[in-house]
Amino acid sequence: MAIDVGPSCTERSGDSWPNNYTVAAKSNPANATGTIDYVCMWWNSTTSGVEVASFTDEGSDVLSTNGTASLPNRATEGEQEYDAQGDFTAFNITLDDYIGGVWTGGSLGRESGTPAVYYKSGDYIPCDSESFGSVNYVLSIYATGTEGGGESSSSSSSESISSSSSSESISSSSSSESISSSSSSESISSSSSSESISSSSSSESTSISSSSESLSESISSSSSSQSESISISSSSSSCSLDPTKVYSRGDYVALPGNDANLEVAFACPEYPMVAIDDDIYVQQTACDEYTLFLWKNQNNDNKSIIIVQWKGKSDRAPSISSVYLQIYNRNTPAWETLDSNNVAGAGVEFTLSGIQSTNLGWYYDGTNWVSCRVYQHAA
């Protein structure tokens, strides 16, 4: 019996799914176990760095790759067919697996629809028991193969993170009279379908540390864990700011109601410190106050979905004081919670993520800026 998996390889009425996201299409899971020897994808731009894989659904939005393959770059848009006889090595697939991929250059056709697409910022091919988000889109990807036999690459764990956000530490410490918190940041990312916006925050002392994946490198700054004093150390002989990113941080008695920049602007050398997930952080302290990271990213339109992912840890356990990821709604106007964590222990890394795919005009300002923040109360 011929294996059939994936939605269909056709032009879509919607826009495009961007690069640097690992996706798995839930539509039409594999009807048998065997090998994939043909893949078809509809591209809205030229491609590079394309990898495809079969994904096994372990339940609770956790996926692992089964078989993987790399596809050749294509300089032509539209329907692109790939054959195992010359373009890639046939790979394994199991009954009910999904077909998916990741690419460093190019954009794949998509449109609104169900069942959903699993997604995660960064290259997770191969991967082992990774948690994914989901959104209701149909992608232009399809594959066929032969039931039974065959060999292919197998999955292995992967930790790389890109354009969406990840961050690494929120921590806090308390004394007999007051609680102090300091936050450090490693990577923050939020991305919209047409272009990626990244931001992430994590905190370390109640320090919140955040790091952003969409930045070029990674930023580290440290702040003292005592009451309100903050010290930042960094060195750079030359530095230039990306005009599409504005990050800030601070400690406040009450949470700000708007998205005005916070009291401490990121120094230029701090931006690359939060660019990647590499255990380098920008820290923010607070004492009996809220410790916050705010990041603003500018997109090239106001119609692309907004995807945010944050990875971090805190030395004040979220199980004692929850950590929140929020996006600013300019129509209300008010901050809206996308995700939160109230179970992680002190110093234990965790992830916050969210997606905004409806009423997008409420979240972009007049020049296509989006604002997100992460905070924890040091109390």
Protein backbone atom coordinates (compact mmCIF):
# COMPACT_ATOMS: atom_id res chain seq x y z
CA MET A 1 0.00 0.00 0.00
CA ALA A 2 1.22 3.50 -0.83
CA ILE A 3 1.86 5.78 2.13
CA ASP A 4 0.10 9.14 2.05
CA VAL A 5 0.78 11.93 4.59
CA GLY A 6 0.25 15.68 4.89
CA PRO A 7 -2.39 18.17 3.68
CA SER A 8 -1.62 18.84 -0.01
CA CYS A 9 1.00 20.58 -2.12
CA THR A 10 -1.11 23.45 -3.45
CA GLU A 11 -1.07 27.24 -3.48
CA ARG A 12 -2.81 28.60 -0.40
CA SER A 13 -5.12 31.60 -0.11
CA GLY A 14 -3.41 32.84 3.05
CA ASP A 15 0.07 34.25 3.57
CA SER A 16 3.26 32.33 4.34
CA TRP A 17 4.76 30.39 7.22
CA PRO A 18 8.18 31.98 7.98
CA ASN A 19 11.59 30.38 8.26
CA ASN A 20 13.40 29.21 11.40
CA TYR A 21 10.35 27.44 12.83
CA THR A 22 10.02 23.68 13.10
CA VAL A 23 6.49 22.70 12.03
CA ALA A 24 4.50 19.46 11.81
CA ALA A 25 1.20 19.33 9.92
CA LYS A 26 -1.53 17.43 11.76
CA SER A 27 -3.65 17.15 8.61
CA ASN A 28 -3.75 13.66 7.10
CA PRO A 29 -1.38 11.66 9.34
CA ALA A 30 0.44 8.72 7.78
CA ASN A 31 -1.85 5.85 6.79
CA ALA A 32 0.83 3.16 7.18
CA THR A 33 4.38 2.41 8.37
CA GLY A 34 7.24 2.43 5.87
CA THR A 35 9.53 4.91 4.11
CA ILE A 36 8.98 8.33 2.52
CA ASP A 37 10.48 8.68 -0.95
CA TYR A 38 8.63 11.71 -2.33
CA VAL A 39 8.00 15.17 -0.82
CA CYS A 40 6.17 18.13 -2.34
CA MET A 41 6.07 21.68 -0.87
CA TRP A 42 4.59 24.93 -2.20
CA TRP A 43 7.02 27.79 -1.61
CA ASN A 44 6.20 31.50 -1.75
CA SER A 45 9.89 32.39 -2.01
CA THR A 46 13.19 30.74 -2.88
CA THR A 47 14.47 28.26 -0.30
CA SER A 48 17.60 27.23 1.57
CA GLY A 49 18.46 24.93 4.46
CA VAL A 50 15.29 22.82 4.17
CA GLU A 51 14.96 19.76 6.39
CA VAL A 52 11.93 17.47 6.53
CA ALA A 53 10.93 14.81 9.04
CA SER A 54 8.25 12.44 10.18
CA PHE A 55 7.00 13.35 13.66
CA THR A 56 5.55 10.94 16.21
CA ASP A 57 2.87 12.42 18.49
CA GLU A 58 3.55 11.36 22.09
CA GLY A 59 0.51 13.19 23.44
CA SER A 60 0.11 16.48 25.35
CA ASP A 61 1.69 18.43 22.43
CA VAL A 62 4.97 16.50 22.75
CA LEU A 63 6.63 15.33 19.51
CA SER A 64 9.68 13.30 18.51
CA THR A 65 11.14 12.90 15.05
CA ASN A 66 11.15 9.46 13.52
CA GLY A 67 12.97 9.85 10.19
CA THR A 68 14.68 12.96 8.78
CA ALA A 69 16.17 14.21 5.51
CA SER A 70 17.73 17.34 4.02
CA LEU A 71 16.31 18.77 0.78
CA PRO A 72 18.24 20.70 -1.88
CA ASN A 73 17.91 24.49 -2.19
CA ARG A 74 15.51 25.72 -4.85
CA ALA A 75 15.65 29.09 -6.63
CA THR A 76 12.08 28.80 -7.95
CA GLU A 77 8.84 29.58 -6.15
CA GLY A 78 5.63 27.55 -6.34
CA GLU A 79 5.30 23.78 -6.33
CA GLN A 80 8.61 22.03 -5.66
CA GLU A 81 8.89 18.26 -5.85
CA TYR A 82 11.69 16.26 -4.21
CA ASP A 83 12.41 12.63 -5.03
CA ALA A 84 14.46 10.12 -3.06
CA GLN A 85 16.17 8.97 -6.24
CA GLY A 86 18.20 12.16 -6.43
CA ASP A 87 17.14 14.82 -3.93
CA PHE A 88 17.23 13.08 -0.54
CA THR A 89 17.59 9.73 1.21
CA ALA A 90 14.30 7.98 1.90
CA PHE A 91 13.36 8.15 5.57
CA ASN A 92 11.20 6.21 8.01
CA ILE A 93 7.64 7.01 8.92
CA THR A 94 5.25 5.20 11.28
CA LEU A 95 1.47 4.88 11.14
CA ASP A 96 -0.17 8.14 12.34
CA ASP A 97 3.08 10.15 12.13
CA TYR A 98 2.91 13.74 10.83
CA ILE A 99 5.03 15.28 8.07
CA GLY A 100 6.85 18.54 8.80
CA GLY A 101 10.01 20.52 8.37
CA VAL A 102 12.20 23.52 9.11
CA TRP A 103 14.08 25.90 6.78
CA THR A 104 16.55 28.73 7.17
CA GLY A 105 15.45 30.54 4.00
CA GLY A 106 12.08 30.68 2.28
CA SER A 107 8.40 30.80 3.25
CA LEU A 108 5.85 28.01 2.89
CA GLY A 109 2.26 28.47 1.70
CA ARG A 110 -0.41 28.39 4.41
CA GLU A 111 -4.00 29.34 5.14
CA SER A 112 -6.32 29.24 8.15
CA GLY A 113 -7.85 25.86 8.82
CA THR A 114 -7.90 22.73 10.97
CA PRO A 115 -6.50 20.46 12.20
CA ALA A 116 -3.75 22.55 13.67
CA VAL A 117 -0.06 22.86 12.89
CA TYR A 118 2.47 22.10 15.62
CA TYR A 119 5.25 24.69 15.75
CA LYS A 120 8.37 25.55 17.72
CA SER A 121 10.86 28.33 17.18
CA GLY A 122 14.23 27.02 16.06
CA ASP A 123 15.59 23.90 14.40
CA TYR A 124 14.20 20.81 16.14
CA ILE A 125 15.02 18.28 13.45
CA PRO A 126 15.90 15.86 14.86
CA CYS A 127 14.27 16.07 18.30
CA ASP A 128 13.30 13.81 21.17
CA SER A 129 10.18 14.48 23.29
CA GLU A 130 9.97 18.22 22.62
CA SER A 131 6.95 20.32 23.63
CA PHE A 132 5.35 22.25 20.75
CA GLY A 133 2.72 24.94 20.44
CA SER A 134 -0.18 24.67 17.99
CA VAL A 135 -2.16 27.02 15.78
CA ASN A 136 -4.98 26.49 13.28
CA TYR A 137 -3.27 26.62 9.88
CA VAL A 138 -3.00 24.28 6.91
CA LEU A 139 0.45 24.09 5.29
CA SER A 140 1.43 23.28 1.72
CA ILE A 141 3.37 20.08 2.38
CA TYR A 142 2.65 16.54 1.25
CA ALA A 143 4.59 13.27 1.05
CA THR A 144 4.20 9.73 -0.19
CA GLY A 145 6.13 6.52 0.25
CA THR A 146 6.13 2.76 0.39
CA GLU A 147 4.74 0.58 3.15
CA GLY A 148 7.23 -1.58 5.08
CA GLY A 149 11.09 -1.79 4.96
CA GLY A 150 13.56 0.96 4.31
CA GLU A 151 16.12 2.88 6.26
CA SER A 152 16.36 6.46 7.29
CA SER A 153 17.83 8.80 9.79
CA SER A 154 16.58 8.57 13.32
CA SER A 155 15.73 11.27 15.77
CA SER A 156 17.97 12.61 18.48
CA SER A 157 17.51 15.28 21.05
CA SER A 158 18.09 18.87 20.08
CA GLU A 159 18.22 22.07 22.08
CA SER A 160 18.70 24.82 19.54
CA ILE A 161 16.38 27.81 19.76
CA SER A 162 15.75 30.56 17.22
CA SER A 163 13.41 33.56 16.30
CA SER A 164 10.89 33.08 18.97
CA SER A 165 11.81 33.83 22.40
CA SER A 166 13.69 31.99 24.99
CA SER A 167 15.12 33.17 28.23
CA GLU A 168 17.00 31.68 31.02
CA SER A 169 16.50 32.85 34.56
CA ILE A 170 14.27 34.59 37.05
CA SER A 171 15.48 34.37 40.56
CA SER A 172 14.79 35.94 43.88
CA SER A 173 16.10 35.84 47.39
CA SER A 174 14.46 37.00 50.56
CA SER A 175 15.77 38.16 53.91
CA SER A 176 13.93 38.41 57.21
CA GLU A 177 12.55 41.86 56.38
CA SER A 178 12.38 42.07 52.63
CA ILE A 179 12.44 40.02 49.49
CA SER A 180 14.86 40.94 46.78
CA SER A 181 14.69 39.75 43.26
CA SER A 182 17.05 40.03 40.37
CA SER A 183 16.37 39.03 36.83
CA SER A 184 18.75 38.09 34.10
CA SER A 185 17.93 37.73 30.48
CA GLU A 186 19.24 35.41 27.85
CA SER A 187 16.82 35.35 24.93
CA ILE A 188 13.43 36.76 24.09
CA SER A 189 11.68 36.08 20.89
CA SER A 190 8.36 36.72 19.32
CA SER A 191 7.77 36.25 15.69
CA SER A 192 5.14 37.07 13.19
CA SER A 193 4.39 34.92 10.22
CA SER A 194 5.93 37.22 7.68
CA GLU A 195 9.02 38.09 9.66
CA SER A 196 10.42 36.96 12.94
CA ILE A 197 10.49 39.08 16.07
CA SER A 198 12.33 37.56 18.92
CA SER A 199 12.36 38.11 22.57
CA SER A 200 12.76 35.98 25.64
CA SER A 201 13.36 36.52 29.23
CA SER A 202 14.56 34.54 32.16
CA SER A 203 15.34 35.59 35.64
CA GLU A 204 17.83 34.67 38.23
CA SER A 205 17.84 36.11 41.82
CA THR A 206 13.92 37.14 42.30
CA SER A 207 16.04 37.60 39.43
CA ILE A 208 14.42 37.33 36.09
CA SER A 209 16.72 36.65 33.25
CA SER A 210 15.65 36.90 29.72
CA SER A 211 17.26 36.08 26.44
CA SER A 212 16.06 36.72 22.96
CA GLU A 213 16.48 34.36 20.11
CA SER A 214 15.90 36.69 17.27
CA LEU A 215 18.95 38.71 18.13
CA SER A 216 22.26 38.07 16.52
CA GLU A 217 24.16 36.81 19.55
CA SER A 218 23.46 36.90 23.26
CA ILE A 219 23.44 39.65 25.90
CA SER A 220 24.53 39.34 29.47
CA SER A 221 24.14 41.79 32.26
CA SER A 222 24.11 41.26 35.95
CA SER A 223 22.21 43.10 38.58
CA SER A 224 22.74 42.89 42.29
CA SER A 225 20.31 40.88 44.33
CA GLN A 226 20.16 43.48 47.09
CA SER A 227 17.17 45.74 47.37
CA GLU A 228 17.18 48.06 44.37
CA SER A 229 20.73 48.53 43.24
CA ILE A 230 21.54 47.31 39.73
CA SER A 231 24.94 46.86 38.20
CA ILE A 232 25.53 45.98 34.57
CA SER A 233 28.85 44.78 33.32
CA SER A 234 29.64 44.52 29.64
CA SER A 235 32.40 45.36 27.28
CA SER A 236 32.32 46.20 23.63
CA SER A 237 34.64 48.20 21.47
CA SER A 238 31.88 48.91 18.99
CA CYS A 239 28.16 48.28 18.96
CA SER A 240 25.21 49.17 16.76
CA LEU A 241 21.57 48.87 17.73
CA ASP A 242 18.94 47.13 15.61
CA PRO A 243 16.27 49.80 14.99
CA THR A 244 13.52 47.13 15.01
CA LYS A 245 14.19 46.07 18.62
CA VAL A 246 13.79 48.05 21.85
CA TYR A 247 14.29 46.18 25.14
CA SER A 248 14.12 47.51 28.70
CA ARG A 249 13.76 46.31 32.28
CA GLY A 250 13.12 47.52 35.80
CA ASP A 251 11.59 46.98 39.24
CA TYR A 252 8.27 48.57 40.16
CA VAL A 253 5.97 48.75 43.17
CA ALA A 254 2.98 48.40 40.81
CA LEU A 255 2.85 46.91 37.34
CA PRO A 256 2.83 49.55 34.57
CA GLY A 257 -0.52 49.72 32.80
CA ASN A 258 0.91 50.81 29.44
CA ASP A 259 3.82 49.72 27.27
CA ALA A 260 6.08 52.71 27.86
CA ASN A 261 9.76 51.77 28.03
CA LEU A 262 10.86 50.66 31.47
CA GLU A 263 13.31 52.58 33.66
CA VAL A 264 16.46 50.79 32.52
CA ALA A 265 17.08 50.58 28.79
CA PHE A 266 19.15 47.69 27.52
CA ALA A 267 22.70 48.84 26.84
CA CYS A 268 23.89 48.18 23.32
CA PRO A 269 26.23 45.32 24.35
CA GLU A 270 23.35 43.63 26.18
CA TYR A 271 21.32 42.97 23.02
CA PRO A 272 23.69 40.34 21.63
CA MET A 273 23.85 38.76 25.08
CA VAL A 274 20.18 37.84 24.88
CA ALA A 275 20.34 36.70 21.28
CA ILE A 276 20.77 32.99 21.93
CA ASP A 277 20.16 30.39 24.61
CA ASP A 278 23.70 30.05 25.98
CA ASP A 279 23.50 30.62 29.76
CA ILE A 280 24.50 34.27 29.45
CA TYR A 281 21.98 36.62 30.99
CA VAL A 282 20.88 40.19 31.58
CA GLN A 283 19.71 40.45 35.19
CA GLN A 284 17.19 42.65 36.98
CA THR A 285 16.72 42.80 40.75
CA ALA A 286 13.73 43.83 42.83
CA CYS A 287 12.98 44.05 46.54
CA ASP A 288 9.32 43.63 47.56
CA GLU A 289 8.45 44.79 44.04
CA TYR A 290 7.78 43.47 40.55
CA THR A 291 10.76 42.63 38.39
CA LEU A 292 10.04 43.08 34.68
CA PHE A 293 11.49 42.72 31.21
CA LEU A 294 9.78 44.51 28.31
CA TRP A 295 10.64 43.92 24.68
CA LYS A 296 9.30 45.67 21.61
CA ASN A 297 9.79 44.41 18.07
CA GLN A 298 8.81 45.99 14.77
CA ASN A 299 7.38 43.92 11.93
CA ASN A 300 6.96 44.89 8.27
CA ASP A 301 3.14 44.64 8.43
CA ASN A 302 0.32 44.40 10.97
CA LYS A 303 -1.34 41.24 9.68
CA SER A 304 1.18 38.53 10.59
CA ILE A 305 0.50 36.22 13.51
CA ILE A 306 2.59 36.88 16.58
CA ILE A 307 4.40 33.93 18.17
CA VAL A 308 6.19 34.37 21.48
CA GLN A 309 8.31 31.84 23.36
CA TRP A 310 10.22 32.44 26.58
CA LYS A 311 12.58 30.08 28.36
CA GLY A 312 14.04 30.82 31.76
CA LYS A 313 14.44 30.12 35.44
CA SER A 314 14.18 32.05 38.68
CA ASP A 315 15.84 31.77 42.03
CA ARG A 316 12.43 32.61 43.48
CA ALA A 317 10.40 29.54 42.64
CA PRO A 318 7.40 30.19 40.36
CA SER A 319 5.58 27.72 42.61
CA ILE A 320 5.80 30.45 45.25
CA SER A 321 5.43 33.49 42.98
CA SER A 322 4.09 32.90 39.44
CA VAL A 323 5.89 34.17 36.35
CA TYR A 324 3.74 35.68 33.58
CA LEU A 325 4.20 36.25 29.85
CA GLN A 326 1.97 39.03 28.46
CA ILE A 327 1.24 40.91 25.23
CA TYR A 328 -0.06 44.48 25.03
CA ASN A 329 -3.54 45.00 23.53
CA ARG A 330 -3.71 48.55 22.15
CA ASN A 331 -7.46 48.40 21.63
CA THR A 332 -8.45 47.76 25.25
CA PRO A 333 -5.82 49.05 26.14
CA ALA A 334 -4.44 46.48 28.59
CA TRP A 335 -1.88 43.75 29.08
CA GLU A 336 -3.15 40.23 28.32
CA THR A 337 -1.60 37.05 29.69
CA LEU A 338 -0.41 34.55 27.08
CA ASP A 339 1.09 32.03 29.50
CA SER A 340 2.25 31.61 33.08
CA ASN A 341 4.09 29.15 35.31
CA ASN A 342 3.25 28.42 38.94
CA VAL A 343 4.85 25.01 39.35
CA ALA A 344 8.58 25.32 38.60
CA GLY A 345 11.08 25.18 41.41
CA ALA A 346 13.79 27.71 42.17
CA GLY A 347 16.57 27.61 39.62
CA VAL A 348 14.69 25.16 37.39
CA GLU A 349 14.44 26.12 33.73
CA PHE A 350 10.95 26.38 32.20
CA THR A 351 9.29 27.74 29.07
CA LEU A 352 6.46 30.21 28.51
CA SER A 353 4.94 30.56 25.07
CA GLY A 354 1.92 32.00 23.33
CA ILE A 355 0.46 32.94 19.98
CA GLN A 356 -1.81 35.79 18.93
CA SER A 357 -3.56 35.00 15.65
CA THR A 358 -6.82 36.97 15.85
CA ASN A 359 -7.62 40.71 15.94
CA LEU A 360 -3.98 41.35 15.07
CA GLY A 361 -4.54 45.04 14.49
CA TRP A 362 -5.16 45.43 18.22
CA TYR A 363 -1.59 44.34 19.03
CA TYR A 364 0.40 46.28 16.40
CA ASP A 365 0.75 50.03 16.76
CA GLY A 366 0.64 52.46 13.84
CA THR A 367 4.19 51.61 12.79
CA ASN A 368 3.87 47.82 13.33
CA TRP A 369 5.48 47.54 16.77
CA VAL A 370 4.46 44.72 19.15
CA SER A 371 5.11 44.83 22.91
CA CYS A 372 5.53 41.80 25.21
CA ARG A 373 6.73 41.45 28.79
CA VAL A 374 7.64 38.90 31.45
CA TYR A 375 7.30 39.63 35.15
CA GLN A 376 7.41 38.10 38.62
CA HIS A 377 6.47 39.58 41.99
CA ALA A 378 9.27 39.48 44.56
CA ALA A 379 7.03 38.98 47.55
